[in-house]
C-alpha atoms as a PDB file:
ATOM      1  CA  UNK A   1     160.182 -86.068 109.913  1.00  0.00           C
ATOM      2  CA  UNK A   2     160.250 -82.102 110.041  1.00  0.00           C
ATOM      3  CA  UNK A   3     163.755 -82.528 110.347  1.00  0.00           C
ATOM      4  CA  UNK A   4     164.566 -84.409 107.094  1.00  0.00           C
ATOM      5  CA  UNK A   5     161.923 -82.378 105.244  1.00  0.00           C
ATOM      6  CA  UNK A   6     163.510 -79.234 106.551  1.00  0.00           C
ATOM      7  CA  UNK A   7     166.921 -80.538 105.646  1.00  0.00           C
ATOM      8  CA  UNK A   8     165.408 -81.514 102.106  1.00  0.00           C
ATOM      9  CA  UNK A   9     164.125 -77.781 101.850  1.00  0.00           C
ATOM     10  CA  UNK A  10     167.628 -76.048 102.646  1.00  0.00           C
ATOM     11  CA  UNK A  11     169.235 -78.670 100.202  1.00  0.00           C
ATOM     12  CA  UNK A  12     167.426 -77.597  97.730  1.00  0.00           C
ATOM     13  CA  UNK A  13     167.586 -73.884  98.493  1.00  0.00           C
ATOM     14  CA  UNK A  14     171.270 -74.215  98.509  1.00  0.00           C
ATOM     15  CA  UNK A  15     171.365 -76.215  95.210  1.00  0.00           C
ATOM     16  CA  UNK A  16     169.100 -73.730  93.668  1.00  0.00           C
ATOM     17  CA  UNK A  17     171.160 -70.855  94.896  1.00  0.00           C
ATOM     18  CA  UNK A  18     174.434 -72.375  93.363  1.00  0.00           C
ATOM     19  CA  UNK A  19     172.797 -73.155  89.815  1.00  0.00           C
ATOM     20  CA  UNK A  20     171.768 -69.401  89.810  1.00  0.00           C
ATOM     21  CA  UNK A  21     174.748 -68.344  90.823  1.00  0.00           C
ATOM     22  CA  UNK A  22     176.587 -70.294  87.616  1.00  0.00           C
ATOM     23  CA  UNK A  23     174.068 -68.905  85.207  1.00  0.00           C
ATOM     24  CA  UNK A  24     174.877 -65.335  86.642  1.00  0.00           C
ATOM     25  CA  UNK A  25     178.364 -66.067  86.325  1.00  0.00           C
ATOM     26  CA  UNK A  26     177.963 -66.845  82.722  1.00  0.00           C
ATOM     27  CA  UNK A  27     176.212 -63.863  82.040  1.00  0.00           C
ATOM     28  CA  UNK A  28     178.799 -61.271  83.974  1.00  0.00           C
ATOM     29  CA  UNK A  29     181.620 -63.045  81.808  1.00  0.00           C
ATOM     30  CA  UNK A  30     179.546 -62.426  78.509  1.00  0.00           C
ATOM     31  CA  UNK A  31     178.778 -58.609  80.019  1.00  0.00           C
ATOM     32  CA  UNK A  32     182.463 -58.383  80.752  1.00  0.00           C
ATOM     33  CA  UNK A  33     183.594 -59.561  77.520  1.00  0.00           C
ATOM     34  CA  UNK A  34     181.217 -56.981  75.809  1.00  0.00           C
ATOM     35  CA  UNK A  35     182.834 -54.222  77.805  1.00  0.00           C
ATOM     36  CA  UNK A  36     186.289 -55.049  77.474  1.00  0.00           C
ATOM     37  CA  UNK A  37     185.726 -55.105  73.358  1.00  0.00           C
ATOM     38  CA  UNK A  38     184.092 -51.781  73.529  1.00  0.00           C
ATOM     39  CA  UNK A  39     186.575 -50.709  75.814  1.00  0.00           C
ATOM     40  CA  UNK A  40     189.248 -51.865  73.523  1.00  0.00           C
ATOM     41  CA  UNK A  41     187.280 -50.400  70.520  1.00  0.00           C
ATOM     42  CA  UNK A  42     187.346 -46.519  72.158  1.00  0.00           C
ATOM     43  CA  UNK A  43     191.108 -46.819  73.106  1.00  0.00           C
ATOM     44  CA  UNK A  44     191.922 -47.795  69.571  1.00  0.00           C
ATOM     45  CA  UNK A  45     189.961 -44.870  68.425  1.00  0.00           C
ATOM     46  CA  UNK A  46     191.279 -42.654  70.837  1.00  0.00           C
ATOM     47  CA  UNK A  47     194.881 -43.499  69.675  1.00  0.00           C
ATOM     48  CA  UNK A  48     193.827 -42.644  66.257  1.00  0.00           C
ATOM     49  CA  UNK A  49     192.501 -39.541  67.321  1.00  0.00           C
ATOM     50  CA  UNK A  50     195.515 -38.349  69.163  1.00  0.00           C
ATOM     51  CA  UNK A  51     197.967 -39.242  66.086  1.00  0.00           C
ATOM     52  CA  UNK A  52     195.459 -37.185  63.895  1.00  0.00           C
ATOM     53  CA  UNK A  53     195.798 -34.160  66.412  1.00  0.00           C
ATOM     54  CA  UNK A  54     199.606 -34.716  66.863  1.00  0.00           C
ATOM     55  CA  UNK A  55     199.662 -34.595  62.792  1.00  0.00           C
ATOM     56  CA  UNK A  56     197.456 -31.580  62.755  1.00  0.00           C
ATOM     57  CA  UNK A  57     199.473 -29.794  65.452  1.00  0.00           C
ATOM     58  CA  UNK A  58     202.695 -30.664  63.780  1.00  0.00           C
ATOM     59  CA  UNK A  59     201.591 -28.911  60.520  1.00  0.00           C
ATOM     60  CA  UNK A  60     199.877 -25.912  62.315  1.00  0.00           C
ATOM     61  CA  UNK A  61     203.320 -25.529  63.850  1.00  0.00           C
ATOM     62  CA  UNK A  62     205.111 -25.417  60.153  1.00  0.00           C
ATOM     63  CA  UNK A  63     202.412 -23.075  59.192  1.00  0.00           C
ATOM     64  CA  UNK A  64     202.837 -20.542  61.976  1.00  0.00           C
ATOM     65  CA  UNK A  65     206.769 -20.845  61.211  1.00  0.00           C
ATOM     66  CA  UNK A  66     206.015 -19.732  57.464  1.00  0.00           C
ATOM     67  CA  UNK A  67     203.841 -17.137  58.582  1.00  0.00           C
ATOM     68  CA  UNK A  68     206.372 -15.797  60.900  1.00  0.00           C
ATOM     69  CA  UNK A  69     208.836 -15.832  58.287  1.00  0.00           C
ATOM     70  CA  UNK A  70     206.736 -14.060  55.694  1.00  0.00           C
ATOM     71  CA  UNK A  71     205.725 -11.376  58.131  1.00  0.00           C
ATOM     72  CA  UNK A  72     209.168 -10.656  59.183  1.00  0.00           C
ATOM     73  CA  UNK A  73     210.384 -10.270  55.530  1.00  0.00           C
ATOM     74  CA  UNK A  74     207.006  -8.227  54.813  1.00  0.00           C
ATOM     75  CA  UNK A  75     207.963  -5.672  57.951  1.00  0.00           C
ATOM     76  CA  UNK A  76     211.795  -5.905  56.596  1.00  0.00           C
ATOM     77  CA  UNK A  77     210.802  -5.035  53.267  1.00  0.00           C
ATOM     78  CA  UNK A  78     208.361  -1.980  54.687  1.00  0.00           C
ATOM     79  CA  UNK A  79     211.420  -0.670  56.737  1.00  0.00           C
ATOM     80  CA  UNK A  80     213.887  -0.359  53.965  1.00  0.00           C
ATOM     81  CA  UNK A  81     214.063   2.957  52.177  1.00  0.00           C
ATOM     82  CA  UNK A  82     213.310   2.779  48.104  1.00  0.00           C
ATOM     83  CA  UNK A  83     216.032   2.451  45.969  1.00  0.00           C
ATOM     84  CA  UNK A  84     216.043   5.219  43.071  1.00  0.00           C
ATOM     85  CA  UNK A  85     216.058   3.993  39.637  1.00  0.00           C
ATOM     86  CA  UNK A  86     219.149   5.478  39.101  1.00  0.00           C
ATOM     87  CA  UNK A  87     217.482   8.845  37.321  1.00  0.00           C
ATOM     88  CA  UNK A  88     218.561  12.091  39.297  1.00  0.00           C
ATOM     89  CA  UNK A  89     215.735  14.739  38.911  1.00  0.00           C
ATOM     90  CA  UNK A  90     216.864  18.167  39.736  1.00  0.00           C
ATOM     91  CA  UNK A  91     214.156  20.212  41.725  1.00  0.00           C
ATOM     92  CA  UNK A  92     215.910  23.560  40.296  1.00  0.00           C
ATOM     93  CA  UNK A  93     215.635  22.678  36.892  1.00  0.00           C
ATOM     94  CA  UNK A  94     211.917  24.151  35.876  1.00  0.00           C
ATOM     95  CA  UNK A  95     209.823  23.058  32.675  1.00  0.00           C
ATOM     96  CA  UNK A  96     208.708  26.134  30.496  1.00  0.00           C
ATOM     97  CA  UNK A  97     206.095  26.070  27.917  1.00  0.00           C
ATOM     98  CA  UNK A  98     207.067  25.978  24.505  1.00  0.00           C
ATOM     99  CA  UNK A  99     205.853  28.892  22.308  1.00  0.00           C
ATOM    100  CA  UNK A 100     203.052  28.074  19.853  1.00  0.00           C
ATOM    101  CA  UNK A 101     204.589  28.484  16.669  1.00  0.00           C
ATOM    102  CA  UNK A 102     201.793  27.238  14.361  1.00  0.00           C
ATOM    103  CA  UNK A 103     199.556  30.528  14.844  1.00  0.00           C
ATOM    104  CA  UNK A 104     199.791  32.933  12.013  1.00  0.00           C
ATOM    105  CA  UNK A 105     202.426  35.572  12.023  1.00  0.00           C
ATOM    106  CA  UNK A 106     202.063  39.017  12.453  1.00  0.00           C
ATOM    107  CA  UNK A 107     203.243  41.202   9.585  1.00  0.00           C
END
């Protein structure tokens, strides 16, 4: 009698453990599915961020090239001598003040 009750108790214990394992398995499946979904969303967000960063880097590179060209042009303009307007100034010609003729004449 003791053996039968011992075997029955062991059978119930094994059956309970199996049922518990099945219940935990379905819960694990749900958890795994949720985790996979979250990971997929995170991966998609990372891809979109990477694309945006690449576009920004391309735009920054283009702007840097434009700035470099402008700096080169400005540097070249600063280093070239100024062109004269075509009129030559003579340094030997001095301007003299004219006499005032509006004044009264002495007799």
